[in-house]
Amino acid sequence: MPRFFIDTPLSTEQVGQTLALPDGIYHHWCKVLRASVGDMAVLFDGRGGEYGVTLDDINKKSASVRIDHFNDINRTPPFLASIGLVMSRGDRMDYAIQKATEMGVHRIQLLTSERCQVHLKYERDFKKIQHWQGVAVAACEQCGLNIVPQITAPIPLEQWVSQCDDTLKLVLALSDGKPDFTKPLPERIALLIGAEGGLSPDEIALAIQHGFEPWTIGERVLRTETAPVVALTALQILAGS
């Protein structure tokens, strides 16, 4: 059954009522997928839960659905994971955001760092953030998540690590030690991940100074776009989800 994100708040009071589809959903569902009256789909507004709908009417330029029911399900992990992600070039960022979203990340804070090779200007910055937010939305449509992670404008790495107040804070870096995963994972977890060139020794030391624990996953060095999905997967396994 197709799933579509609707950028308009929905409510359970609308169950049983009809709703005009936004142009984007109308085009994709009715024109591209060639839906017919009576076909069913799922709508979600990113605030939690999803709505089962039935295509009620189609004409040349618009369509409407009947909202059949509300399902209070989000399919999120048992913890809120925030990633401080140093920006990378090209498709690496799209991949990292897409896969982190599929693994249930709660929030992605874009970062600049000493070895960051992406420096956005204001106008292009806004467009890029819109694009990356769209990547997260599309990933939610595909994987079944109903709460869309927020992609926030880049800030310096130093600012984020100094302000981060999550219960468990991890920096992906080579280290002889390992975090204590024998205890149940806390509700809020932060991950610091560098760009292609990795984090500098000074940045790792700064993160540790602010309470981050170095975490080495296995014996291999992961690419920046691979690290988020591997780390989130490992945390979900540790959480038993």
Protein backbone atom coordinates (compact mmCIF):
# COMPACT_ATOMS: atom_id res chain seq x y z
CA MET A 1 0.00 0.00 0.00
CA PRO A 2 1.52 3.38 -0.99
CA ARG A 3 2.47 5.83 1.77
CA PHE A 4 2.58 9.60 1.37
CA PHE A 5 3.79 12.41 3.61
CA ILE A 6 1.31 15.28 3.77
CA ASP A 7 2.66 18.64 4.87
CA THR A 8 -0.61 19.57 6.55
CA PRO A 9 -1.50 18.64 10.15
CA LEU A 10 -4.17 15.96 10.35
CA SER A 11 -6.34 15.03 13.33
CA THR A 12 -8.45 12.08 14.42
CA GLU A 13 -11.50 14.37 14.19
CA GLN A 14 -11.16 14.15 10.39
CA VAL A 15 -11.79 10.40 10.33
CA GLY A 16 -14.84 9.81 8.13
CA GLN A 17 -14.38 13.11 6.28
CA THR A 18 -13.01 13.81 2.80
CA LEU A 19 -9.72 15.56 2.13
CA ALA A 20 -8.40 17.18 -1.05
CA LEU A 21 -4.99 15.76 -1.95
CA PRO A 22 -2.04 18.15 -2.30
CA ASP A 23 -0.79 18.52 -5.87
CA GLY A 24 2.35 16.46 -5.28
CA ILE A 25 0.48 13.45 -3.90
CA TYR A 26 -2.20 13.77 -6.59
CA HIS A 27 0.43 13.73 -9.33
CA HIS A 28 2.43 10.83 -7.88
CA TRP A 29 -0.50 8.60 -6.89
CA CYS A 30 -3.05 9.37 -9.58
CA LYS A 31 -0.84 10.24 -12.56
CA VAL A 32 2.38 8.30 -12.05
CA LEU A 33 0.99 5.26 -10.20
CA ARG A 34 -2.35 5.50 -12.07
CA ALA A 35 -4.51 5.00 -9.02
CA SER A 36 -8.26 4.50 -9.39
CA VAL A 37 -11.24 5.41 -7.23
CA GLY A 38 -11.43 2.88 -4.41
CA ASP A 39 -7.66 2.41 -4.11
CA MET A 40 -6.25 2.73 -0.60
CA ALA A 41 -3.15 4.42 0.77
CA VAL A 42 -1.60 5.73 3.98
CA LEU A 43 -1.05 9.40 4.82
CA PHE A 44 1.17 10.67 7.64
CA ASP A 45 1.94 14.23 8.68
CA GLY A 46 5.21 13.59 10.52
CA ARG A 47 3.80 14.26 13.99
CA GLY A 48 3.08 10.63 14.83
CA GLY A 49 0.66 7.95 13.68
CA GLU A 50 -0.79 7.36 10.23
CA TYR A 51 -4.16 7.60 8.49
CA GLY A 52 -5.68 4.98 6.20
CA VAL A 53 -7.44 6.63 3.28
CA THR A 54 -9.47 5.57 0.24
CA LEU A 55 -9.40 7.44 -3.04
CA ASP A 56 -12.84 8.97 -3.30
CA ASP A 57 -12.83 11.15 -6.42
CA ILE A 58 -10.47 11.94 -9.31
CA ASN A 59 -10.74 14.60 -11.99
CA LYS A 60 -8.31 16.13 -14.47
CA LYS A 61 -6.42 18.32 -12.00
CA SER A 62 -7.26 17.13 -8.49
CA ALA A 63 -8.45 14.26 -6.33
CA SER A 64 -9.87 13.67 -2.88
CA VAL A 65 -9.75 10.85 -0.36
CA ARG A 66 -11.94 9.62 2.48
CA ILE A 67 -10.07 9.29 5.77
CA ASP A 68 -11.00 5.83 7.03
CA HIS A 69 -9.09 5.37 10.27
CA PHE A 70 -6.13 6.45 12.40
CA ASN A 71 -3.37 4.04 13.43
CA ASP A 72 -1.34 5.21 16.44
CA ILE A 73 1.96 3.59 15.44
CA ASN A 74 5.37 5.14 14.74
CA ARG A 75 7.81 2.18 14.40
CA THR A 76 10.58 4.12 16.14
CA PRO A 77 13.42 2.67 18.26
CA PRO A 78 13.07 2.64 22.06
CA PHE A 79 15.55 5.54 22.32
CA LEU A 80 15.92 8.99 20.75
CA ALA A 81 19.14 9.12 18.75
CA SER A 82 20.58 12.45 17.63
CA ILE A 83 23.48 12.54 15.19
CA GLY A 84 25.97 15.36 14.89
CA LEU A 85 27.05 14.77 11.29
CA VAL A 86 29.91 16.68 9.68
CA MET A 87 28.83 17.53 6.12
CA SER A 88 30.31 15.62 3.19
CA ARG A 89 30.36 16.20 -0.53
CA GLY A 90 28.08 14.77 -3.21
CA ASP A 91 25.78 11.84 -2.71
CA ARG A 92 27.41 10.79 0.56
CA MET A 93 25.15 13.09 2.55
CA ASP A 94 22.01 11.88 0.78
CA TYR A 95 22.95 8.28 1.54
CA ALA A 96 23.83 8.99 5.18
CA ILE A 97 20.57 10.87 5.82
CA GLN A 98 18.46 8.32 3.97
CA LYS A 99 19.86 5.30 5.80
CA ALA A 100 19.97 7.01 9.21
CA THR A 101 16.29 7.86 8.75
CA GLU A 102 15.46 4.27 7.85
CA MET A 103 17.17 3.20 11.08
CA GLY A 104 14.99 5.56 13.12
CA VAL A 105 17.24 8.55 13.84
CA HIS A 106 15.41 11.27 15.76
CA ARG A 107 17.40 14.31 14.67
CA ILE A 108 20.41 15.13 12.49
CA GLN A 109 22.44 18.21 13.36
CA LEU A 110 24.63 19.24 10.42
CA LEU A 111 28.13 20.25 11.47
CA THR A 112 31.21 21.98 10.12
CA SER A 113 34.64 20.92 11.30
CA GLU A 114 38.36 21.31 10.72
CA ARG A 115 38.34 18.76 7.89
CA CYS A 116 34.89 19.56 6.53
CA GLN A 117 35.05 20.26 2.79
CA VAL A 118 31.51 21.62 2.44
CA HIS A 119 30.98 25.30 3.16
CA LEU A 120 27.52 26.46 2.22
CA LYS A 121 26.46 30.03 1.57
CA TYR A 122 23.15 31.24 2.96
CA GLU A 123 20.92 30.82 -0.13
CA ARG A 124 22.43 27.50 -1.14
CA ASP A 125 22.46 26.43 2.50
CA PHE A 126 18.68 26.81 2.70
CA LYS A 127 18.12 24.88 -0.53
CA LYS A 128 20.44 22.08 0.56
CA ILE A 129 18.70 21.71 3.91
CA GLN A 130 15.35 21.57 2.11
CA HIS A 131 16.75 18.87 -0.17
CA TRP A 132 18.12 16.81 2.72
CA GLN A 133 14.84 17.18 4.63
CA GLY A 134 13.11 15.86 1.51
CA VAL A 135 15.46 12.87 1.49
CA ALA A 136 14.39 12.12 5.08
CA VAL A 137 10.70 12.44 4.18
CA ALA A 138 11.07 10.06 1.21
CA ALA A 139 12.89 7.57 3.44
CA CYS A 140 10.02 7.70 5.95
CA GLU A 141 7.50 7.08 3.17
CA GLN A 142 9.45 4.01 2.10
CA CYS A 143 10.32 2.45 5.44
CA GLY A 144 7.12 3.02 7.44
CA LEU A 145 8.30 5.59 9.98
CA ASN A 146 5.68 8.20 10.83
CA ILE A 147 7.84 10.74 12.70
CA VAL A 148 10.17 12.57 10.32
CA PRO A 149 13.61 13.44 11.72
CA GLN A 150 14.53 17.10 11.66
CA ILE A 151 17.58 18.12 9.63
CA THR A 152 18.93 21.31 11.20
CA ALA A 153 21.17 24.02 9.75
CA PRO A 154 24.93 23.53 10.14
CA ILE A 155 26.75 24.83 13.21
CA PRO A 156 30.41 24.42 14.27
CA LEU A 157 31.29 21.06 15.81
CA GLU A 158 32.65 22.85 18.89
CA GLN A 159 29.27 24.47 19.53
CA TRP A 160 27.32 21.21 19.27
CA VAL A 161 29.55 19.12 21.54
CA SER A 162 29.56 21.86 24.18
CA GLN A 163 25.76 22.17 24.17
CA CYS A 164 24.81 18.49 23.80
CA ASP A 165 23.09 17.26 26.98
CA ASP A 166 22.00 13.75 25.95
CA THR A 167 22.42 11.02 28.55
CA LEU A 168 24.81 8.85 26.50
CA LYS A 169 27.20 10.68 24.18
CA LEU A 170 29.36 8.72 21.73
CA VAL A 171 32.03 9.83 19.26
CA LEU A 172 32.99 7.37 16.55
CA ALA A 173 36.78 7.29 16.87
CA LEU A 174 39.61 4.81 17.23
CA SER A 175 40.10 3.90 20.86
CA ASP A 176 41.30 1.03 23.03
CA GLY A 177 38.37 1.49 25.41
CA LYS A 178 34.70 0.75 24.86
CA PRO A 179 31.54 2.31 26.30
CA ASP A 180 29.77 0.29 28.95
CA PHE A 181 26.89 -1.35 27.11
CA THR A 182 26.08 -3.80 29.91
CA LYS A 183 23.48 -1.38 31.29
CA PRO A 184 20.17 -0.66 29.54
CA LEU A 185 20.50 2.09 26.97
CA PRO A 186 19.16 5.49 28.08
CA GLU A 187 16.31 7.24 26.33
CA ARG A 188 18.51 9.90 24.71
CA ILE A 189 21.70 9.10 22.80
CA ALA A 190 24.00 11.37 20.78
CA LEU A 191 26.44 10.26 18.06
CA LEU A 192 29.25 12.42 16.69
CA ILE A 193 30.38 11.41 13.19
CA GLY A 194 33.07 13.10 11.11
CA ALA A 195 33.29 13.72 7.38
CA GLU A 196 35.55 11.99 4.79
CA GLY A 197 38.74 13.07 6.51
CA GLY A 198 37.49 12.04 9.93
CA LEU A 199 37.70 14.08 13.10
CA SER A 200 40.97 15.70 14.07
CA PRO A 201 42.70 14.64 17.31
CA ASP A 202 41.83 18.02 18.83
CA GLU A 203 38.14 17.58 17.96
CA ILE A 204 38.05 14.10 19.46
CA ALA A 205 39.76 15.42 22.61
CA LEU A 206 37.25 18.27 22.80
CA ALA A 207 34.32 15.86 22.49
CA ILE A 208 35.76 13.66 25.25
CA GLN A 209 36.26 16.76 27.40
CA HIS A 210 32.51 17.42 27.05
CA GLY A 211 31.50 13.92 28.10
CA PHE A 212 31.58 11.99 24.81
CA GLU A 213 32.90 8.43 24.96
CA PRO A 214 35.01 7.11 22.06
CA TRP A 215 33.39 4.17 20.29
CA THR A 216 35.19 1.95 17.79
CA ILE A 217 32.85 -0.38 15.92
CA GLY A 218 34.85 -3.43 14.91
CA GLU A 219 38.34 -3.40 13.45
CA ARG A 220 37.56 -1.51 10.25
CA VAL A 221 37.39 2.20 9.47
CA LEU A 222 33.91 3.01 8.18
CA ARG A 223 33.11 5.54 5.50
CA THR A 224 31.26 8.61 6.68
CA GLU A 225 28.07 7.60 4.89
CA THR A 226 28.24 4.05 6.32
CA ALA A 227 28.96 4.99 9.93
CA PRO A 228 25.47 6.31 10.87
CA VAL A 229 23.58 3.21 9.75
CA VAL A 230 26.10 0.81 11.32
CA ALA A 231 26.11 2.70 14.63
CA LEU A 232 22.31 2.96 14.77
CA THR A 233 21.93 -0.71 13.88
CA ALA A 234 24.35 -1.69 16.65
CA LEU A 235 22.46 0.44 19.17
CA GLN A 236 19.14 -1.11 18.19
CA ILE A 237 20.58 -4.59 18.62
CA LEU A 238 21.90 -3.59 22.05
CA ALA A 239 18.46 -2.22 22.90
CA GLY A 240 16.85 -5.48 21.79
CA SER A 241 14.70 -3.83 19.13
